[in-house]
Amino acid sequence: MNDIVENAKKHFETLVKEQLERVDHMKKAGDWTDYSKLKPIIIGLVGGDGIGPYITRHAQKILEFLLKEQLSSGAVELRIIEGLTIENRAKVMKAIPDDVLEEIKKCHVLLKGPTTTPRKGDKWPNIESANVTMRRELDLFANVRPVKVPELGIDWMFFRENTEGAYVLGSKGINITDDLAIDFKVITTQGSDRIIRLAFDYAAKNNINRVSVVTKANVVKATDGKFLAIAEEIAKEYPQVKWDDWYIDIATAKLVDPARQKDFKVFVAPNLYGDIITDEAAQLQGGVGTAGSANIGKEYAMFEAIHGSAPRMVEEGRAQYADPSSIIKAAALLLNHIGFVDKAKQLDMALDICATYEKKLEITGRDTGATGEEFAKYIMDTLQDPNLEKKWKEYQ
């Protein structure tokens, strides 16, 4: 018994030291990257696993189309980064191989396809999620996801904390005995402050008068309690923004309540709860395949499709029919982030027209529908329409 307890104590001690070092790093963080001062802005293209390389290739063509002038002048560079496949990660037993991480850090922003996260019972070793590792290594603390469903009056913006909560230590739990397993959750003052402040700042700058904080602070009192307490203090600095707090269970219910959907505006939540409500919200929009995701830090930013790698589609020879809408949406978020606001808006409008309104092509994931390449061409053809904005407004 004593040996078991001592081993558990040593394990926990290691985790505590790691997290205290992370706190010190956050305290020393520098200023935000100013993309207007960079030449070139280096955009890394990371295909990932499964259908990832296929859909990323389609998004790359659209970026090349929109940024033709900037690429030609040297203002922007697209850089393809290989090696973030599950096969390569499993071979070196790392969530992100060292050489791949080195190339990633040479870029300013990334457009990333989905990556496979091994789970118990599959053929891959138990390595950490590449996404979780990348968010930690690049300190991408804010996961930002917009969701719009005009016919339901839904116009939501989600701020999900990326680098702590339940996920950051998800692979570092411990099996104390055959009968007892313990996992860990971590919340810091610095990590909570920056994500909550970002949400309130966004609301204030966009004249949005509501921020909803999602926790389970009534039960998970130390970590979720800290997150909620910090939100209460930050809210005092934004008297023009009303705020409320919700427990994750009732929040997920109210997101699908027609009587309440229009009331919500901006959400902020720790990692796990943010993952849950953003996927639920994306489903209301048409499924996770329709939503893009931004992962923002002070120095780096990464934009990605939020769905999985769909290895079965590859195994069945259907990868060319995978829907690239999510990663194309992510490309629009990327363009907006690095300063090409008008191009981002054009891409958003074209995607709305092609995927939601006009729908001349339908993607089914099989040969009964269009290929991803055909859909990307449809979007580029739509982008060339001189009446793009007029056509888009007619659908609103």
Protein backbone atom coordinates (compact mmCIF):
# COMPACT_ATOMS: atom_id res chain seq x y z
CA MET A 1 0.00 0.00 0.00
CA ASN A 2 2.73 2.50 0.94
CA ASP A 3 4.62 1.87 -2.33
CA ILE A 4 1.45 2.48 -4.34
CA VAL A 5 0.80 5.78 -2.58
CA GLU A 6 4.43 6.91 -2.95
CA ASN A 7 4.38 6.20 -6.70
CA ALA A 8 1.17 8.20 -7.05
CA LYS A 9 2.69 11.10 -5.08
CA LYS A 10 5.76 11.16 -7.33
CA HIS A 11 3.57 11.15 -10.43
CA PHE A 12 1.51 14.05 -9.10
CA GLU A 13 4.64 15.95 -8.06
CA THR A 14 5.96 15.78 -11.64
CA LEU A 15 2.68 17.15 -12.99
CA VAL A 16 2.61 20.00 -10.48
CA LYS A 17 6.17 21.05 -11.38
CA GLU A 18 5.32 20.99 -15.10
CA GLN A 19 2.28 23.18 -14.57
CA LEU A 20 4.13 25.67 -12.38
CA GLU A 21 6.69 26.03 -15.17
CA ARG A 22 3.84 26.67 -17.61
CA VAL A 23 2.49 29.40 -15.35
CA ASP A 24 5.92 31.09 -15.33
CA HIS A 25 5.99 30.90 -19.14
CA MET A 26 2.57 32.57 -19.40
CA LYS A 27 3.69 35.36 -17.10
CA LYS A 28 6.60 36.10 -19.46
CA ALA A 29 4.59 36.00 -22.70
CA GLY A 30 5.34 38.79 -25.17
CA ASP A 31 3.14 40.98 -27.37
CA TRP A 32 0.80 39.91 -30.17
CA THR A 33 2.25 39.31 -33.64
CA ASP A 34 1.74 42.27 -35.99
CA TYR A 35 1.18 40.65 -39.39
CA SER A 36 1.31 44.01 -41.17
CA LYS A 37 5.04 44.15 -40.38
CA LEU A 38 5.86 40.69 -41.73
CA LYS A 39 7.14 39.99 -45.24
CA PRO A 40 6.50 37.35 -46.18
CA ILE A 41 3.68 36.10 -44.00
CA ILE A 42 4.41 32.36 -43.98
CA ILE A 43 1.32 30.16 -44.10
CA GLY A 44 2.08 26.54 -43.27
CA LEU A 45 -0.17 23.91 -44.88
CA VAL A 46 -0.38 20.74 -42.78
CA GLY A 47 -2.40 17.94 -44.37
CA GLY A 48 -2.71 15.64 -41.36
CA ASP A 49 -4.28 12.17 -41.61
CA GLY A 50 -6.98 10.36 -43.52
CA ILE A 51 -8.98 12.77 -45.63
CA GLY A 52 -6.88 15.67 -44.29
CA PRO A 53 -4.41 15.91 -47.19
CA TYR A 54 -7.29 15.77 -49.69
CA ILE A 55 -9.37 18.58 -48.24
CA THR A 56 -6.29 20.68 -47.38
CA ARG A 57 -5.23 20.51 -51.03
CA HIS A 58 -8.59 21.99 -52.07
CA ALA A 59 -8.25 24.82 -49.54
CA GLN A 60 -4.70 25.44 -50.78
CA LYS A 61 -5.98 25.98 -54.33
CA ILE A 62 -8.51 28.52 -53.08
CA LEU A 63 -5.82 30.37 -51.10
CA GLU A 64 -3.58 30.39 -54.18
CA PHE A 65 -6.49 31.81 -56.17
CA LEU A 66 -7.31 34.56 -53.65
CA LEU A 67 -3.70 35.44 -52.83
CA LYS A 68 -2.29 35.23 -56.36
CA GLU A 69 -0.98 38.81 -56.27
CA GLN A 70 0.50 38.50 -52.76
CA LEU A 71 2.19 35.21 -53.57
CA SER A 72 3.66 36.67 -56.74
CA SER A 73 5.01 39.76 -54.94
CA GLY A 74 6.47 37.78 -52.05
CA ALA A 75 4.13 39.29 -49.47
CA VAL A 76 2.82 35.81 -48.64
CA GLU A 77 4.42 32.38 -48.82
CA LEU A 78 2.61 29.03 -48.72
CA ARG A 79 4.76 26.30 -47.22
CA ILE A 80 3.70 22.63 -47.27
CA ILE A 81 4.67 20.71 -44.12
CA GLU A 82 4.77 16.93 -44.37
CA GLY A 83 4.99 14.29 -41.67
CA LEU A 84 2.09 14.91 -39.29
CA THR A 85 0.52 11.56 -40.14
CA ILE A 86 -0.51 8.96 -37.59
CA GLU A 87 1.95 6.50 -39.17
CA ASN A 88 4.88 8.87 -38.69
CA ARG A 89 3.79 9.92 -35.21
CA ALA A 90 3.40 6.31 -34.11
CA LYS A 91 6.80 5.43 -35.57
CA VAL A 92 8.62 8.00 -33.42
CA MET A 93 6.13 7.72 -30.52
CA LYS A 94 5.49 11.45 -30.41
CA ALA A 95 2.31 13.47 -30.88
CA ILE A 96 4.31 15.80 -33.13
CA PRO A 97 7.70 14.58 -34.42
CA ASP A 98 10.55 16.96 -33.56
CA ASP A 99 11.43 17.75 -37.18
CA VAL A 100 7.79 18.50 -38.00
CA LEU A 101 7.44 20.78 -34.97
CA GLU A 102 10.60 22.61 -36.02
CA GLU A 103 9.11 23.32 -39.47
CA ILE A 104 5.79 24.36 -37.96
CA LYS A 105 7.51 26.94 -35.75
CA LYS A 106 9.09 28.53 -38.84
CA CYS A 107 5.60 29.55 -40.00
CA HIS A 108 3.48 32.41 -38.72
CA VAL A 109 0.08 30.76 -39.20
CA LEU A 110 -1.04 27.24 -40.08
CA LEU A 111 -3.91 25.75 -42.04
CA LYS A 112 -4.26 22.22 -40.73
CA GLY A 113 -6.23 19.17 -41.75
CA PRO A 114 -7.61 16.70 -39.20
CA THR A 115 -5.28 14.32 -37.33
CA THR A 116 -6.06 10.94 -35.80
CA THR A 117 -5.98 10.67 -32.01
CA PRO A 118 -5.36 7.06 -30.91
CA ARG A 119 -7.88 5.56 -28.52
CA LYS A 120 -7.96 2.42 -26.47
CA GLY A 121 -8.52 -0.68 -28.54
CA ASP A 122 -7.33 0.62 -31.90
CA LYS A 123 -4.10 -0.36 -33.66
CA TRP A 124 -2.13 2.75 -32.71
CA PRO A 125 -0.02 3.33 -29.58
CA ASN A 126 -1.31 5.63 -26.85
CA ILE A 127 0.28 8.90 -27.98
CA GLU A 128 -1.16 12.30 -27.13
CA SER A 129 -3.45 14.21 -29.48
CA ALA A 130 -1.47 16.21 -32.05
CA ASN A 131 -3.95 19.06 -31.61
CA VAL A 132 -3.52 19.18 -27.84
CA THR A 133 0.27 19.10 -28.23
CA MET A 134 0.30 21.79 -30.92
CA ARG A 135 -1.89 24.10 -28.87
CA ARG A 136 0.43 23.68 -25.92
CA GLU A 137 3.71 23.97 -27.88
CA LEU A 138 2.57 27.09 -29.75
CA ASP A 139 0.57 28.41 -26.77
CA LEU A 140 -2.61 28.61 -28.85
CA PHE A 141 -4.77 29.36 -25.87
CA ALA A 142 -7.95 30.51 -27.63
CA ASN A 143 -10.12 28.29 -29.80
CA VAL A 144 -12.52 30.64 -31.59
CA ARG A 145 -15.51 29.29 -33.52
CA PRO A 146 -18.33 31.28 -35.13
CA VAL A 147 -21.71 29.64 -35.72
CA LYS A 148 -24.52 31.25 -37.72
CA VAL A 149 -27.98 29.92 -38.53
CA PRO A 150 -29.92 32.96 -39.81
CA GLU A 151 -33.27 31.20 -40.03
CA LEU A 152 -33.06 30.40 -36.29
CA GLY A 153 -31.71 33.80 -35.32
CA ILE A 154 -28.43 32.21 -34.23
CA ASP A 155 -25.26 34.32 -34.43
CA TRP A 156 -22.85 32.91 -31.84
CA MET A 157 -19.15 33.26 -31.17
CA PHE A 158 -17.40 30.71 -28.98
CA PHE A 159 -14.17 31.22 -27.04
CA ARG A 160 -12.90 27.86 -25.81
CA GLU A 161 -9.77 27.69 -23.65
CA ASN A 162 -7.30 25.46 -25.44
CA THR A 163 -4.28 24.75 -23.28
CA GLU A 164 -5.54 23.57 -19.90
CA GLY A 165 -8.67 22.06 -18.38
CA ALA A 166 -9.27 18.31 -18.69
CA TYR A 167 -7.43 17.82 -21.98
CA VAL A 168 -3.96 19.13 -21.21
CA LEU A 169 -3.34 16.28 -18.76
CA GLY A 170 -5.63 13.81 -20.47
CA SER A 171 -2.83 11.42 -21.33
CA LYS A 172 -1.11 11.81 -17.95
CA GLY A 173 -3.61 10.12 -15.69
CA ILE A 174 -2.51 7.23 -13.55
CA ASN A 175 -3.76 3.71 -12.92
CA ILE A 176 -3.15 3.50 -9.20
CA THR A 177 -4.16 -0.18 -9.09
CA ASP A 178 -6.23 -2.46 -11.29
CA ASP A 179 -9.25 -1.08 -9.44
CA LEU A 180 -8.44 2.62 -9.30
CA ALA A 181 -7.66 5.14 -12.07
CA ILE A 182 -7.28 8.89 -11.61
CA ASP A 183 -7.15 11.66 -14.21
CA PHE A 184 -6.27 15.31 -13.63
CA LYS A 185 -7.66 18.71 -14.56
CA VAL A 186 -5.77 21.99 -14.36
CA ILE A 187 -6.96 25.61 -14.37
CA THR A 188 -4.65 28.57 -13.86
CA THR A 189 -5.29 32.24 -13.11
CA GLN A 190 -3.27 33.30 -16.15
CA GLY A 191 -4.90 30.83 -18.53
CA SER A 192 -8.41 31.73 -17.39
CA ASP A 193 -7.78 35.47 -17.41
CA ARG A 194 -6.57 35.66 -21.01
CA ILE A 195 -9.37 33.60 -22.58
CA ILE A 196 -12.14 35.28 -20.56
CA ARG A 197 -10.69 38.72 -21.25
CA LEU A 198 -10.54 37.91 -24.98
CA ALA A 199 -14.25 37.02 -24.97
CA PHE A 200 -15.29 40.18 -23.13
CA ASP A 201 -13.03 42.29 -25.32
CA TYR A 202 -14.58 40.82 -28.46
CA ALA A 203 -18.08 41.53 -27.13
CA ALA A 204 -17.19 45.12 -26.21
CA LYS A 205 -15.51 45.90 -29.55
CA ASN A 206 -18.44 44.45 -31.52
CA ASN A 207 -21.16 46.09 -29.41
CA ILE A 208 -22.43 42.73 -28.22
CA ASN A 209 -24.18 42.94 -24.89
CA ARG A 210 -23.93 39.37 -23.62
CA VAL A 211 -21.20 36.95 -22.58
CA SER A 212 -22.17 33.54 -21.21
CA VAL A 213 -19.63 31.70 -19.05
CA VAL A 214 -19.99 27.90 -19.05
CA THR A 215 -18.61 25.73 -16.21
CA LYS A 216 -19.65 23.06 -13.73
CA ALA A 217 -18.53 25.16 -10.77
CA ASN A 218 -21.27 23.86 -8.50
CA VAL A 219 -19.60 20.43 -8.51
CA VAL A 220 -16.02 20.92 -9.72
CA LYS A 221 -15.28 23.60 -7.18
CA ALA A 222 -11.52 24.20 -7.28
CA THR A 223 -10.83 24.45 -11.04
CA ASP A 224 -14.22 25.45 -12.44
CA GLY A 225 -14.75 27.60 -9.37
CA LYS A 226 -11.54 29.50 -10.16
CA PHE A 227 -12.60 30.01 -13.79
CA LEU A 228 -15.99 31.40 -12.75
CA ALA A 229 -14.52 33.64 -10.04
CA ILE A 230 -12.06 35.16 -12.50
CA ALA A 231 -14.89 35.78 -14.97
CA GLU A 232 -16.79 37.63 -12.27
CA GLU A 233 -13.80 39.92 -11.65
CA ILE A 234 -13.10 40.58 -15.35
CA ALA A 235 -16.78 41.37 -15.97
CA LYS A 236 -16.42 44.37 -13.64
CA GLU A 237 -13.97 45.89 -16.16
CA TYR A 238 -16.64 45.72 -18.89
CA PRO A 239 -19.74 47.35 -17.39
CA GLN A 240 -21.21 47.79 -20.88
CA VAL A 241 -21.34 44.01 -21.36
CA LYS A 242 -23.91 41.97 -19.48
CA TRP A 243 -22.85 38.48 -18.52
CA ASP A 244 -24.32 35.31 -17.06
CA ASP A 245 -23.05 31.88 -16.11
CA TRP A 246 -24.36 28.46 -17.04
CA TYR A 247 -23.55 24.93 -15.96
CA ILE A 248 -22.52 22.76 -18.88
CA ASP A 249 -25.46 20.36 -18.60
CA ILE A 250 -28.17 23.02 -18.79
CA ALA A 251 -26.19 25.05 -21.34
CA THR A 252 -26.22 22.14 -23.78
CA ALA A 253 -29.99 21.89 -23.32
CA LYS A 254 -30.63 25.60 -23.85
CA LEU A 255 -28.57 25.69 -27.06
CA VAL A 256 -31.30 23.61 -28.71
CA ASP A 257 -34.20 25.47 -27.04
CA PRO A 258 -35.88 27.62 -29.75
CA ALA A 259 -37.13 30.00 -27.07
CA ARG A 260 -33.58 30.79 -25.88
CA GLN A 261 -31.33 30.42 -28.93
CA LYS A 262 -31.62 34.04 -30.07
CA ASP A 263 -30.62 35.32 -26.64
CA PHE A 264 -27.10 33.88 -26.62
CA LYS A 265 -24.26 35.83 -28.25
CA VAL A 266 -20.74 35.11 -26.95
CA PHE A 267 -19.68 32.05 -24.98
CA VAL A 268 -16.48 31.41 -23.04
CA ALA A 269 -15.65 28.06 -21.46
CA PRO A 270 -12.82 25.80 -20.28
CA ASN A 271 -11.52 23.23 -22.74
CA LEU A 272 -13.81 20.21 -22.36
CA TYR A 273 -17.04 22.17 -22.03
CA GLY A 274 -16.06 24.35 -24.96
CA ASP A 275 -15.48 21.25 -27.06
CA ILE A 276 -18.94 19.94 -26.23
CA ILE A 277 -20.95 23.10 -26.91
CA THR A 278 -19.06 24.07 -30.08
CA ASP A 279 -19.71 20.69 -31.68
CA GLU A 280 -23.36 20.89 -30.64
CA ALA A 281 -23.62 24.38 -32.13
CA ALA A 282 -21.93 23.25 -35.34
CA GLN A 283 -24.55 20.51 -35.66
CA LEU A 284 -27.28 23.15 -35.58
CA GLN A 285 -25.45 24.90 -38.41
CA GLY A 286 -25.40 21.75 -40.51
CA GLY A 287 -22.81 19.49 -38.91
CA VAL A 288 -19.17 19.71 -37.90
CA GLY A 289 -18.24 19.54 -41.57
CA THR A 290 -19.62 23.07 -42.01
CA ALA A 291 -17.60 24.74 -39.24
CA GLY A 292 -14.06 26.03 -39.18
CA SER A 293 -11.95 26.69 -36.15
CA ALA A 294 -9.34 29.29 -35.18
CA ASN A 295 -6.68 28.57 -32.56
CA ILE A 296 -5.13 31.84 -31.51
CA GLY A 297 -2.01 32.66 -29.52
CA LYS A 298 0.07 35.79 -29.20
CA GLU A 299 2.85 34.52 -31.47
CA TYR A 300 1.26 31.78 -33.59
CA ALA A 301 -2.20 30.91 -34.91
CA MET A 302 -3.57 27.67 -36.35
CA PHE A 303 -6.78 27.22 -38.35
CA GLU A 304 -8.34 23.82 -38.88
CA ALA A 305 -11.28 21.69 -39.87
CA ILE A 306 -13.10 20.59 -36.73
CA HIS A 307 -14.17 17.14 -37.90
CA GLY A 308 -12.17 13.93 -37.72
CA SER A 309 -9.80 12.34 -40.19
CA ALA A 310 -12.36 9.79 -41.46
CA PRO A 311 -9.88 6.96 -42.18
CA ARG A 312 -12.73 4.73 -43.34
CA MET A 313 -13.35 7.05 -46.29
CA VAL A 314 -9.75 6.55 -47.36
CA GLU A 315 -9.92 2.79 -46.82
CA GLU A 316 -13.07 2.61 -48.96
CA GLY A 317 -11.58 4.77 -51.72
CA ARG A 318 -13.94 7.69 -51.08
CA ALA A 319 -11.49 10.36 -49.90
CA GLN A 320 -11.94 12.42 -53.07
CA TYR A 321 -15.61 12.88 -52.09
CA ALA A 322 -14.83 14.32 -48.63
CA ASP A 323 -16.47 17.67 -47.90
CA PRO A 324 -13.84 20.45 -47.71
CA SER A 325 -16.29 23.07 -46.35
CA SER A 326 -14.88 23.05 -42.82
CA ILE A 327 -11.28 23.65 -43.82
CA ILE A 328 -12.34 26.24 -46.41
CA LYS A 329 -14.17 28.05 -43.61
CA ALA A 330 -10.96 27.79 -41.59
CA ALA A 331 -9.07 29.34 -44.52
CA ALA A 332 -11.46 32.31 -44.40
CA LEU A 333 -10.78 32.71 -40.67
CA LEU A 334 -7.04 32.58 -41.42
CA LEU A 335 -7.29 35.29 -44.08
CA ASN A 336 -9.21 37.53 -41.70
CA HIS A 337 -6.68 36.98 -38.91
CA ILE A 338 -3.64 37.98 -40.99
CA GLY A 339 -5.30 41.13 -42.33
CA PHE A 340 -6.97 40.15 -45.60
CA VAL A 341 -10.41 41.03 -44.29
CA ASP A 342 -12.06 41.68 -47.67
CA LYS A 343 -10.78 38.40 -49.13
CA ALA A 344 -12.02 36.55 -46.05
CA LYS A 345 -15.45 38.11 -46.43
CA GLN A 346 -15.57 37.16 -50.12
CA LEU A 347 -14.68 33.56 -49.30
CA ASP A 348 -17.31 33.43 -46.56
CA MET A 349 -19.96 34.73 -48.95
CA ALA A 350 -18.96 32.28 -51.68
CA LEU A 351 -19.02 29.38 -49.23
CA ASP A 352 -22.48 30.41 -47.99
CA ILE A 353 -23.80 30.57 -51.54
CA CYS A 354 -22.27 27.27 -52.63
CA ALA A 355 -22.87 25.18 -49.50
CA THR A 356 -26.08 26.64 -48.06
CA TYR A 357 -28.12 28.63 -50.58
CA GLU A 358 -27.50 28.00 -54.26
CA LYS A 359 -26.14 24.45 -53.86
CA LYS A 360 -25.54 23.67 -57.54
CA LEU A 361 -23.31 20.84 -56.33
CA GLU A 362 -24.04 18.51 -53.45
CA ILE A 363 -21.40 16.62 -51.52
CA THR A 364 -22.60 13.29 -50.15
CA GLY A 365 -19.27 11.69 -49.24
CA ARG A 366 -19.81 9.15 -52.03
CA ASP A 367 -19.88 9.01 -55.82
CA THR A 368 -23.53 10.06 -55.67
CA GLY A 369 -22.27 13.61 -55.10
CA ALA A 370 -19.56 16.01 -56.14
CA THR A 371 -15.87 15.58 -55.40
CA GLY A 372 -14.03 18.00 -53.16
CA GLU A 373 -12.10 19.24 -56.18
CA GLU A 374 -15.31 20.01 -58.04
CA PHE A 375 -16.67 21.83 -55.01
CA ALA A 376 -13.50 23.93 -54.67
CA LYS A 377 -13.77 24.90 -58.34
CA TYR A 378 -17.43 25.83 -57.77
CA ILE A 379 -16.32 28.19 -54.99
CA MET A 380 -13.59 29.76 -57.13
CA ASP A 381 -16.05 30.26 -60.00
CA THR A 382 -18.42 31.94 -57.54
CA LEU A 383 -15.64 34.17 -56.23
CA GLN A 384 -15.19 35.52 -59.77
CA ASP A 385 -18.83 36.60 -60.00
CA PRO A 386 -18.85 40.45 -60.06
CA ASN A 387 -22.25 40.32 -58.33
CA LEU A 388 -21.06 38.09 -55.50
CA GLU A 389 -22.03 40.37 -52.63
CA LYS A 390 -25.36 41.34 -54.21
CA LYS A 391 -26.23 37.68 -54.75
CA TRP A 392 -25.23 36.85 -51.16
CA LYS A 393 -27.38 39.66 -49.73
CA GLU A 394 -30.38 38.44 -51.68
CA TYR A 395 -30.18 35.15 -49.83
CA GLN A 396 -30.05 36.77 -46.37
